[in-house]
Amino acid sequence: MGYVLVLPEFGLVADPIAGIVTTAGVSYQPVIDQVAELETIAEDLVGMLSGEGNFLNSFPGREKTLMKAGMVTSLWYGLAVGLFVAFILAFALYFGGI
């Protein structure tokens, strides 16, 4: 019985009788290397949620960059929402709605 090509660039074939995916004489090392690279990128993305630490591709000495950027963003969003609420209240008071 023959094999079904799954990923020819990595030499992966499927055995239809056994129902498994295996190599056709080639190692899994390219796939393992790509998975390892993906894991480091995913860990970097998860690490950005805490706001501490360093980016993968950042210069040294920029450990608190995410925390400062988050504070500035929160400041501007708070200012925008506050001014919007103040405008609505002023509009309601001026035209006698409250």
PDB file of N, CA and C in Angstrom:
ATOM      1  N   MET A   1       0.850  -1.178   0.000  1.00  0.00           N
ATOM      2  CA  MET A   1       0.000   0.000   0.000  1.00  0.00           C
ATOM      3  C   MET A   1       0.888   1.230   0.000  1.00  0.00           C
ATOM      4  N   GLY A   2       0.432   2.303  -0.628  1.00  0.00           N
ATOM      5  CA  GLY A   2       1.218   3.512  -0.736  1.00  0.00           C
ATOM      6  C   GLY A   2       0.974   4.472   0.416  1.00  0.00           C
ATOM      7  N   TYR A   3       1.686   5.564   0.352  1.00  0.00           N
ATOM      8  CA  TYR A   3       1.574   6.613   1.352  1.00  0.00           C
ATOM      9  C   TYR A   3       0.932   7.836   0.724  1.00  0.00           C
ATOM     10  N   VAL A   4       0.337   8.681   1.565  1.00  0.00           N
ATOM     11  CA  VAL A   4      -0.248   9.946   1.121  1.00  0.00           C
ATOM     12  C   VAL A   4       0.671  11.063   1.609  1.00  0.00           C
ATOM     13  N   LEU A   5       1.103  11.922   0.683  1.00  0.00           N
ATOM     14  CA  LEU A   5       1.975  13.037   1.062  1.00  0.00           C
ATOM     15  C   LEU A   5       1.179  14.062   1.856  1.00  0.00           C
ATOM     16  N   VAL A   6       1.673  14.395   3.043  1.00  0.00           N
ATOM     17  CA  VAL A   6       1.020  15.401   3.877  1.00  0.00           C
ATOM     18  C   VAL A   6       1.737  16.728   3.719  1.00  0.00           C
ATOM     19  N   LEU A   7       3.019  16.763   4.026  1.00  0.00           N
ATOM     20  CA  LEU A   7       3.871  17.947   3.835  1.00  0.00           C
ATOM     21  C   LEU A   7       5.125  17.499   3.105  1.00  0.00           C
ATOM     22  N   PRO A   8       5.140  17.617   1.791  1.00  0.00           N
ATOM     23  CA  PRO A   8       6.302  17.112   1.059  1.00  0.00           C
ATOM     24  C   PRO A   8       7.591  17.874   1.356  1.00  0.00           C
ATOM     25  N   GLU A   9       7.479  19.177   1.720  1.00  0.00           N
ATOM     26  CA  GLU A   9       8.704  19.938   1.994  1.00  0.00           C
ATOM     27  C   GLU A   9       9.410  19.459   3.255  1.00  0.00           C
ATOM     28  N   PHE A  10       8.688  18.799   4.163  1.00  0.00           N
ATOM     29  CA  PHE A  10       9.291  18.249   5.373  1.00  0.00           C
ATOM     30  C   PHE A  10       9.382  16.728   5.320  1.00  0.00           C
ATOM     31  N   GLY A  11       8.924  16.128   4.246  1.00  0.00           N
ATOM     32  CA  GLY A  11       8.998  14.685   4.104  1.00  0.00           C
ATOM     33  C   GLY A  11       7.985  13.938   4.949  1.00  0.00           C
ATOM     34  N   LEU A  12       6.859  14.538   5.270  1.00  0.00           N
ATOM     35  CA  LEU A  12       5.835  13.890   6.082  1.00  0.00           C
ATOM     36  C   LEU A  12       4.831  13.172   5.183  1.00  0.00           C
ATOM     37  N   VAL A  13       4.574  11.916   5.520  1.00  0.00           N
ATOM     38  CA  VAL A  13       3.607  11.123   4.780  1.00  0.00           C
ATOM     39  C   VAL A  13       2.628  10.498   5.770  1.00  0.00           C
ATOM     40  N   ALA A  14       1.432  10.183   5.286  1.00  0.00           N
ATOM     41  CA  ALA A  14       0.424   9.525   6.114  1.00  0.00           C
ATOM     42  C   ALA A  14       0.262   8.092   5.643  1.00  0.00           C
ATOM     43  N   ASP A  15       0.212   7.181   6.578  1.00  0.00           N
ATOM     44  CA  ASP A  15      -0.057   5.786   6.280  1.00  0.00           C
ATOM     45  C   ASP A  15      -1.555   5.568   6.435  1.00  0.00           C
ATOM     46  N   PRO A  16      -2.279   5.347   5.322  1.00  0.00           N
ATOM     47  CA  PRO A  16      -3.733   5.250   5.427  1.00  0.00           C
ATOM     48  C   PRO A  16      -4.223   4.011   6.177  1.00  0.00           C
ATOM     49  N   ILE A  17      -3.448   2.969   6.212  1.00  0.00           N
ATOM     50  CA  ILE A  17      -3.871   1.751   6.904  1.00  0.00           C
ATOM     51  C   ILE A  17      -3.673   1.896   8.409  1.00  0.00           C
ATOM     52  N   ALA A  18      -2.490   2.365   8.810  1.00  0.00           N
ATOM     53  CA  ALA A  18      -2.202   2.531  10.240  1.00  0.00           C
ATOM     54  C   ALA A  18      -2.835   3.810  10.796  1.00  0.00           C
ATOM     55  N   GLY A  19      -3.077   4.797   9.945  1.00  0.00           N
ATOM     56  CA  GLY A  19      -3.689   6.046  10.393  1.00  0.00           C
ATOM     57  C   GLY A  19      -2.728   6.951  11.142  1.00  0.00           C
ATOM     58  N   ILE A  20      -1.447   6.921  10.784  1.00  0.00           N
ATOM     59  CA  ILE A  20      -0.455   7.764  11.458  1.00  0.00           C
ATOM     60  C   ILE A  20       0.275   8.614  10.425  1.00  0.00           C
ATOM     61  N   VAL A  21       0.826   9.706  10.907  1.00  0.00           N
ATOM     62  CA  VAL A  21       1.683  10.552  10.083  1.00  0.00           C
ATOM     63  C   VAL A  21       3.116  10.292  10.512  1.00  0.00           C
ATOM     64  N   THR A  22       3.962  10.012   9.568  1.00  0.00           N
ATOM     65  CA  THR A  22       5.354   9.675   9.868  1.00  0.00           C
ATOM     66  C   THR A  22       6.268  10.314   8.831  1.00  0.00           C
ATOM     67  N   THR A  23       7.557  10.139   8.998  1.00  0.00           N
ATOM     68  CA  THR A  23       8.518  10.688   8.053  1.00  0.00           C
ATOM     69  C   THR A  23       8.841   9.646   6.999  1.00  0.00           C
ATOM     70  N   ALA A  24       9.204  10.147   5.851  1.00  0.00           N
ATOM     71  CA  ALA A  24       9.615   9.262   4.761  1.00  0.00           C
ATOM     72  C   ALA A  24      11.127   9.311   4.640  1.00  0.00           C
ATOM     73  N   GLY A  25      11.820   8.915   5.690  1.00  0.00           N
ATOM     74  CA  GLY A  25      13.276   8.890   5.668  1.00  0.00           C
ATOM     75  C   GLY A  25      13.931  10.215   5.995  1.00  0.00           C
ATOM     76  N   VAL A  26      13.162  11.207   6.417  1.00  0.00           N
ATOM     77  CA  VAL A  26      13.686  12.530   6.746  1.00  0.00           C
ATOM     78  C   VAL A  26      13.345  12.805   8.210  1.00  0.00           C
ATOM     79  N   SER A  27      14.176  13.573   8.877  1.00  0.00           N
ATOM     80  CA  SER A  27      13.938  13.836  10.296  1.00  0.00           C
ATOM     81  C   SER A  27      12.909  14.950  10.491  1.00  0.00           C
ATOM     82  N   TYR A  28      12.403  15.040  11.715  1.00  0.00           N
ATOM     83  CA  TYR A  28      11.454  16.082  12.096  1.00  0.00           C
ATOM     84  C   TYR A  28      12.160  17.373  12.508  1.00  0.00           C
ATOM     85  N   GLN A  29      13.452  17.470  12.386  1.00  0.00           N
ATOM     86  CA  GLN A  29      14.201  18.604  12.924  1.00  0.00           C
ATOM     87  C   GLN A  29      13.751  19.956  12.373  1.00  0.00           C
ATOM     88  N   PRO A  30      13.466  20.114  11.074  1.00  0.00           N
ATOM     89  CA  PRO A  30      12.978  21.430  10.621  1.00  0.00           C
ATOM     90  C   PRO A  30      11.664  21.835  11.281  1.00  0.00           C
ATOM     91  N   VAL A  31      10.780  20.880  11.490  1.00  0.00           N
ATOM     92  CA  VAL A  31       9.505  21.173  12.141  1.00  0.00           C
ATOM     93  C   VAL A  31       9.739  21.529  13.602  1.00  0.00           C
ATOM     94  N   ILE A  32      10.602  20.796  14.272  1.00  0.00           N
ATOM     95  CA  ILE A  32      10.912  21.061  15.677  1.00  0.00           C
ATOM     96  C   ILE A  32      11.545  22.440  15.833  1.00  0.00           C
ATOM     97  N   ASP A  33      12.420  22.827  14.907  1.00  0.00           N
ATOM     98  CA  ASP A  33      13.040  24.148  14.967  1.00  0.00           C
ATOM     99  C   ASP A  33      12.010  25.262  14.803  1.00  0.00           C
ATOM    100  N   GLN A  34      11.064  25.082  13.885  1.00  0.00           N
ATOM    101  CA  GLN A  34      10.033  26.098  13.686  1.00  0.00           C
ATOM    102  C   GLN A  34       9.100  26.184  14.893  1.00  0.00           C
ATOM    103  N   VAL A  35       8.797  25.054  15.504  1.00  0.00           N
ATOM    104  CA  VAL A  35       7.951  25.061  16.693  1.00  0.00           C
ATOM    105  C   VAL A  35       8.673  25.759  17.847  1.00  0.00           C
ATOM    106  N   ALA A  36       9.972  25.533  17.990  1.00  0.00           N
ATOM    107  CA  ALA A  36      10.740  26.198  19.046  1.00  0.00           C
ATOM    108  C   ALA A  36      10.754  27.708  18.836  1.00  0.00           C
ATOM    109  N   GLU A  37      10.908  28.148  17.581  1.00  0.00           N
ATOM    110  CA  GLU A  37      10.883  29.585  17.291  1.00  0.00           C
ATOM    111  C   GLU A  37       9.508  30.174  17.595  1.00  0.00           C
ATOM    112  N   LEU A  38       8.450  29.452  17.251  1.00  0.00           N
ATOM    113  CA  LEU A  38       7.096  29.900  17.545  1.00  0.00           C
ATOM    114  C   LEU A  38       6.851  29.986  19.040  1.00  0.00           C
ATOM    115  N   GLU A  39       7.415  29.052  19.799  1.00  0.00           N
ATOM    116  CA  GLU A  39       7.255  29.086  21.252  1.00  0.00           C
ATOM    117  C   GLU A  39       7.913  30.309  21.859  1.00  0.00           C
ATOM    118  N   THR A  40       9.102  30.679  21.380  1.00  0.00           N
ATOM    119  CA  THR A  40       9.762  31.874  21.919  1.00  0.00           C
ATOM    120  C   THR A  40       8.974  33.134  21.580  1.00  0.00           C
ATOM    121  N   ILE A  41       8.405  33.195  20.382  1.00  0.00           N
ATOM    122  CA  ILE A  41       7.601  34.357  20.002  1.00  0.00           C
ATOM    123  C   ILE A  41       6.326  34.419  20.843  1.00  0.00           C
ATOM    124  N   ALA A  42       5.696  33.269  21.075  1.00  0.00           N
ATOM    125  CA  ALA A  42       4.484  33.235  21.896  1.00  0.00           C
ATOM    126  C   ALA A  42       4.793  33.627  23.340  1.00  0.00           C
ATOM    127  N   GLU A  43       5.913  33.171  23.873  1.00  0.00           N
ATOM    128  CA  GLU A  43       6.305  33.560  25.230  1.00  0.00           C
ATOM    129  C   GLU A  43       6.556  35.056  25.324  1.00  0.00           C
ATOM    130  N   ASP A  44       7.111  35.647  24.257  1.00  0.00           N
ATOM    131  CA  ASP A  44       7.330  37.093  24.235  1.00  0.00           C
ATOM    132  C   ASP A  44       6.006  37.834  24.233  1.00  0.00           C
ATOM    133  N   LEU A  45       5.031  37.344  23.473  1.00  0.00           N
ATOM    134  CA  LEU A  45       3.711  37.982  23.452  1.00  0.00           C
ATOM    135  C   LEU A  45       3.017  37.874  24.799  1.00  0.00           C
ATOM    136  N   VAL A  46       3.116  36.722  25.446  1.00  0.00           N
ATOM    137  CA  VAL A  46       2.503  36.555  26.762  1.00  0.00           C
ATOM    138  C   VAL A  46       3.230  37.413  27.787  1.00  0.00           C
ATOM    139  N   GLY A  47       4.536  37.546  27.653  1.00  0.00           N
ATOM    140  CA  GLY A  47       5.309  38.378  28.565  1.00  0.00           C
ATOM    141  C   GLY A  47       4.967  39.850  28.448  1.00  0.00           C
ATOM    142  N   MET A  48       4.457  40.280  27.303  1.00  0.00           N
ATOM    143  CA  MET A  48       4.079  41.678  27.138  1.00  0.00           C
ATOM    144  C   MET A  48       2.846  42.029  27.956  1.00  0.00           C
ATOM    145  N   LEU A  49       2.044  41.035  28.324  1.00  0.00           N
ATOM    146  CA  LEU A  49       0.835  41.311  29.093  1.00  0.00           C
ATOM    147  C   LEU A  49       1.157  41.777  30.508  1.00  0.00           C
ATOM    148  N   SER A  50       2.282  41.362  31.055  1.00  0.00           N
ATOM    149  CA  SER A  50       2.617  41.749  32.419  1.00  0.00           C
ATOM    150  C   SER A  50       3.175  43.167  32.492  1.00  0.00           C
ATOM    151  N   GLY A  51       3.749  43.651  31.412  1.00  0.00           N
ATOM    152  CA  GLY A  51       4.309  45.000  31.406  1.00  0.00           C
ATOM    153  C   GLY A  51       5.706  45.074  31.966  1.00  0.00           C
ATOM    154  N   GLU A  52       6.268  43.960  32.357  1.00  0.00           N
ATOM    155  CA  GLU A  52       7.630  43.928  32.880  1.00  0.00           C
ATOM    156  C   GLU A  52       8.481  43.060  31.974  1.00  0.00           C
ATOM    157  N   GLY A  53       9.753  43.218  32.102  1.00  0.00           N
ATOM    158  CA  GLY A  53      10.653  42.405  31.289  1.00  0.00           C
ATOM    159  C   GLY A  53      11.044  43.120  30.022  1.00  0.00           C
ATOM    160  N   ASN A  54      11.654  42.378  29.125  1.00  0.00           N
ATOM    161  CA  ASN A  54      12.210  42.932  27.911  1.00  0.00           C
ATOM    162  C   ASN A  54      11.570  42.264  26.706  1.00  0.00           C
ATOM    163  N   PHE A  55      11.419  43.022  25.631  1.00  0.00           N
ATOM    164  CA  PHE A  55      10.975  42.435  24.379  1.00  0.00           C
ATOM    165  C   PHE A  55      12.070  41.533  23.830  1.00  0.00           C
ATOM    166  N   LEU A  56      11.694  40.669  22.905  1.00  0.00           N
ATOM    167  CA  LEU A  56      12.668  39.801  22.268  1.00  0.00           C
ATOM    168  C   LEU A  56      13.633  40.610  21.398  1.00  0.00           C
ATOM    169  N   ASN A  57      13.119  41.593  20.669  1.00  0.00           N
ATOM    170  CA  ASN A  57      13.928  42.360  19.727  1.00  0.00           C
ATOM    171  C   ASN A  57      14.115  43.812  20.173  1.00  0.00           C
ATOM    172  N   SER A  58      14.221  44.042  21.472  1.00  0.00           N
ATOM    173  CA  SER A  58      14.382  45.418  21.928  1.00  0.00           C
ATOM    174  C   SER A  58      15.816  45.652  22.405  1.00  0.00           C
ATOM    175  N   PHE A  59      16.155  46.921  22.523  1.00  0.00           N
ATOM    176  CA  PHE A  59      17.471  47.291  23.000  1.00  0.00           C
ATOM    177  C   PHE A  59      17.531  47.146  24.514  1.00  0.00           C
ATOM    178  N   PRO A  60      18.714  46.969  25.071  1.00  0.00           N
ATOM    179  CA  PRO A  60      18.822  46.851  26.533  1.00  0.00           C
ATOM    180  C   PRO A  60      18.426  48.153  27.234  1.00  0.00           C
ATOM    181  N   GLY A  61      17.894  48.027  28.452  1.00  0.00           N
ATOM    182  CA  GLY A  61      17.536  49.187  29.240  1.00  0.00           C
ATOM    183  C   GLY A  61      16.121  49.672  29.002  1.00  0.00           C
ATOM    184  N   ARG A  62      15.292  48.884  28.353  1.00  0.00           N
ATOM    185  CA  ARG A  62      13.907  49.293  28.077  1.00  0.00           C
ATOM    186  C   ARG A  62      12.927  48.333  28.735  1.00  0.00           C
ATOM    187  N   GLU A  63      13.170  48.029  29.990  1.00  0.00           N
ATOM    188  CA  GLU A  63      12.364  47.026  30.683  1.00  0.00           C
ATOM    189  C   GLU A  63      10.972  47.532  31.034  1.00  0.00           C
ATOM    190  N   LYS A  64      10.806  48.797  31.330  1.00  0.00           N
ATOM    191  CA  LYS A  64       9.514  49.348  31.776  1.00  0.00           C
ATOM    192  C   LYS A  64       8.776  50.071  30.650  1.00  0.00           C
ATOM    193  N   THR A  65       9.119  49.812  29.405  1.00  0.00           N
ATOM    194  CA  THR A  65       8.510  50.521  28.288  1.00  0.00           C
ATOM    195  C   THR A  65       7.023  50.241  28.184  1.00  0.00           C
ATOM    196  N   LEU A  66       6.637  48.978  28.336  1.00  0.00           N
ATOM    197  CA  LEU A  66       5.220  48.629  28.208  1.00  0.00           C
ATOM    198  C   LEU A  66       4.378  49.253  29.309  1.00  0.00           C
ATOM    199  N   MET A  67       4.911  49.303  30.502  1.00  0.00           N
ATOM    200  CA  MET A  67       4.164  49.873  31.617  1.00  0.00           C
ATOM    201  C   MET A  67       3.942  51.375  31.397  1.00  0.00           C
ATOM    202  N   LYS A  68       4.978  52.070  30.952  1.00  0.00           N
ATOM    203  CA  LYS A  68       4.846  53.513  30.703  1.00  0.00           C
ATOM    204  C   LYS A  68       3.895  53.783  29.535  1.00  0.00           C
ATOM    205  N   ALA A  69       3.982  52.972  28.487  1.00  0.00           N
ATOM    206  CA  ALA A  69       3.086  53.154  27.338  1.00  0.00           C
ATOM    207  C   ALA A  69       1.644  52.883  27.738  1.00  0.00           C
ATOM    208  N   GLY A  70       1.418  51.905  28.590  1.00  0.00           N
ATOM    209  CA  GLY A  70       0.072  51.618  29.057  1.00  0.00           C
ATOM    210  C   GLY A  70      -0.490  52.747  29.900  1.00  0.00           C
ATOM    211  N   MET A  71       0.363  53.364  30.744  1.00  0.00           N
ATOM    212  CA  MET A  71      -0.110  54.477  31.563  1.00  0.00           C
ATOM    213  C   MET A  71      -0.470  55.683  30.702  1.00  0.00           C
ATOM    214  N   VAL A  72       0.337  55.979  29.696  1.00  0.00           N
ATOM    215  CA  VAL A  72       0.051  57.114  28.819  1.00  0.00           C
ATOM    216  C   VAL A  72      -1.229  56.862  28.026  1.00  0.00           C
ATOM    217  N   THR A  73      -1.407  55.642  27.547  1.00  0.00           N
ATOM    218  CA  THR A  73      -2.624  55.308  26.809  1.00  0.00           C
ATOM    219  C   THR A  73      -3.854  55.427  27.699  1.00  0.00           C
ATOM    220  N   SER A  74      -3.751  54.944  28.923  1.00  0.00           N
ATOM    221  CA  SER A  74      -4.872  55.050  29.859  1.00  0.00           C
ATOM    222  C   SER A  74      -5.185  56.511  30.175  1.00  0.00           C
ATOM    223  N   LEU A  75      -4.146  57.343  30.287  1.00  0.00           N
ATOM    224  CA  LEU A  75      -4.354  58.761  30.537  1.00  0.00           C
ATOM    225  C   LEU A  75      -5.155  59.397  29.410  1.00  0.00           C
ATOM    226  N   TRP A  76      -4.788  59.131  28.169  1.00  0.00           N
ATOM    227  CA  TRP A  76      -5.482  59.745  27.046  1.00  0.00           C
ATOM    228  C   TRP A  76      -6.898  59.224  26.902  1.00  0.00           C
ATOM    229  N   TYR A  77      -7.102  57.922  27.120  1.00  0.00           N
ATOM    230  CA  TYR A  77      -8.465  57.386  27.067  1.00  0.00           C
ATOM    231  C   TYR A  77      -9.318  57.967  28.201  1.00  0.00           C
ATOM    232  N   GLY A  78      -8.766  58.096  29.372  1.00  0.00           N
ATOM    233  CA  GLY A  78      -9.491  58.692  30.489  1.00  0.00           C
ATOM    234  C   GLY A  78      -9.842  60.141  30.221  1.00  0.00           C
ATOM    235  N   LEU A  79      -8.916  60.867  29.633  1.00  0.00           N
ATOM    236  CA  LEU A  79      -9.175  62.260  29.285  1.00  0.00           C
ATOM    237  C   LEU A  79     -10.291  62.367  28.243  1.00  0.00           C
ATOM    238  N   ALA A  80     -10.250  61.515  27.249  1.00  0.00           N
ATOM    239  CA  ALA A  80     -11.269  61.556  26.196  1.00  0.00           C
ATOM    240  C   ALA A  80     -12.647  61.212  26.758  1.00  0.00           C
ATOM    241  N   VAL A  81     -12.745  60.177  27.565  1.00  0.00           N
ATOM    242  CA  VAL A  81     -14.037  59.792  28.142  1.00  0.00           C
ATOM    243  C   VAL A  81     -14.524  60.866  29.111  1.00  0.00           C
ATOM    244  N   GLY A  82     -13.629  61.409  29.919  1.00  0.00           N
ATOM    245  CA  GLY A  82     -14.006  62.466  30.858  1.00  0.00           C
ATOM    246  C   GLY A  82     -14.514  63.714  30.161  1.00  0.00           C
ATOM    247  N   LEU A  83     -13.844  64.124  29.101  1.00  0.00           N
ATOM    248  CA  LEU A  83     -14.309  65.292  28.351  1.00  0.00           C
ATOM    249  C   LEU A  83     -15.644  65.021  27.664  1.00  0.00           C
ATOM    250  N   PHE A  84     -15.849  63.814  27.190  1.00  0.00           N
ATOM    251  CA  PHE A  84     -17.127  63.463  26.570  1.00  0.00           C
ATOM    252  C   PHE A  84     -18.264  63.528  27.587  1.00  0.00           C
ATOM    253  N   VAL A  85     -18.048  62.983  28.773  1.00  0.00           N
ATOM    254  CA  VAL A  85     -19.068  63.018  29.822  1.00  0.00           C
ATOM    255  C   VAL A  85     -19.315  64.457  30.262  1.00  0.00           C
ATOM    256  N   ALA A  86     -18.258  65.264  30.399  1.00  0.00           N
ATOM    257  CA  ALA A  86     -18.420  66.666  30.777  1.00  0.00           C
ATOM    258  C   ALA A  86     -19.198  67.432  29.705  1.00  0.00           C
ATOM    259  N   PHE A  87     -18.956  67.145  28.449  1.00  0.00           N
ATOM    260  CA  PHE A  87     -19.691  67.793  27.363  1.00  0.00           C
ATOM    261  C   PHE A  87     -21.168  67.427  27.416  1.00  0.00           C
ATOM    262  N   ILE A  88     -21.465  66.166  27.656  1.00  0.00           N
ATOM    263  CA  ILE A  88     -22.869  65.729  27.742  1.00  0.00           C
ATOM    264  C   ILE A  88     -23.562  66.411  28.920  1.00  0.00           C
ATOM    265  N   LEU A  89     -22.901  66.497  30.076  1.00  0.00           N
ATOM    266  CA  LEU A  89     -23.487  67.165  31.240  1.00  0.00           C
ATOM    267  C   LEU A  89     -23.684  68.658  30.990  1.00  0.00           C
ATOM    268  N   ALA A  90     -22.692  69.299  30.396  1.00  0.00           N
ATOM    269  CA  ALA A  90     -22.813  70.727  30.101  1.00  0.00           C
ATOM    270  C   ALA A  90     -23.930  70.980  29.092  1.00  0.00           C
ATOM    271  N   PHE A  91     -24.044  70.125  28.108  1.00  0.00           N
ATOM    272  CA  PHE A  91     -25.097  70.238  27.110  1.00  0.00           C
ATOM    273  C   PHE A  91     -26.475  70.061  27.754  1.00  0.00           C
ATOM    274  N   ALA A  92     -26.578  69.080  28.652  1.00  0.00           N
ATOM    275  CA  ALA A  92     -27.856  68.820  29.339  1.00  0.00           C
ATOM    276  C   ALA A  92     -28.213  69.974  30.270  1.00  0.00           C
ATOM    277  N   LEU A  93     -27.243  70.534  30.975  1.00  0.00           N
ATOM    278  CA  LEU A  93     -27.517  71.645  31.876  1.00  0.00           C
ATOM    279  C   LEU A  93     -27.871  72.906  31.104  1.00  0.00           C
ATOM    280  N   TYR A  94     -27.219  73.154  29.997  1.00  0.00           N
ATOM    281  CA  TYR A  94     -27.461  74.365  29.217  1.00  0.00           C
ATOM    282  C   TYR A  94     -28.845  74.363  28.595  1.00  0.00           C
ATOM    283  N   PHE A  95     -29.274  73.215  28.104  1.00  0.00           N
ATOM    284  CA  PHE A  95     -30.583  73.147  27.461  1.00  0.00           C
ATOM    285  C   PHE A  95     -31.669  72.650  28.408  1.00  0.00           C
ATOM    286  N   GLY A  96     -31.389  72.550  29.704  1.00  0.00           N
ATOM    287  CA  GLY A  96     -32.404  72.260  30.709  1.00  0.00           C
ATOM    288  C   GLY A  96     -32.866  70.823  30.760  1.00  0.00           C
ATOM    289  N   GLY A  97     -32.036  69.922  30.455  1.00  0.00           N
ATOM    290  CA  GLY A  97     -32.427  68.523  30.464  1.00  0.00           C
ATOM    291  C   GLY A  97     -32.376  67.906  31.846  1.00  0.00           C
ATOM    292  N   ILE A  98     -31.562  68.439  32.745  1.00  0.00           N
ATOM    293  CA  ILE A  98     -31.430  67.837  34.075  1.00  0.00           C
ATOM    294  C   ILE A  98     -32.165  68.667  35.087  1.00  0.00           C
TER     295      ILE A  98
END
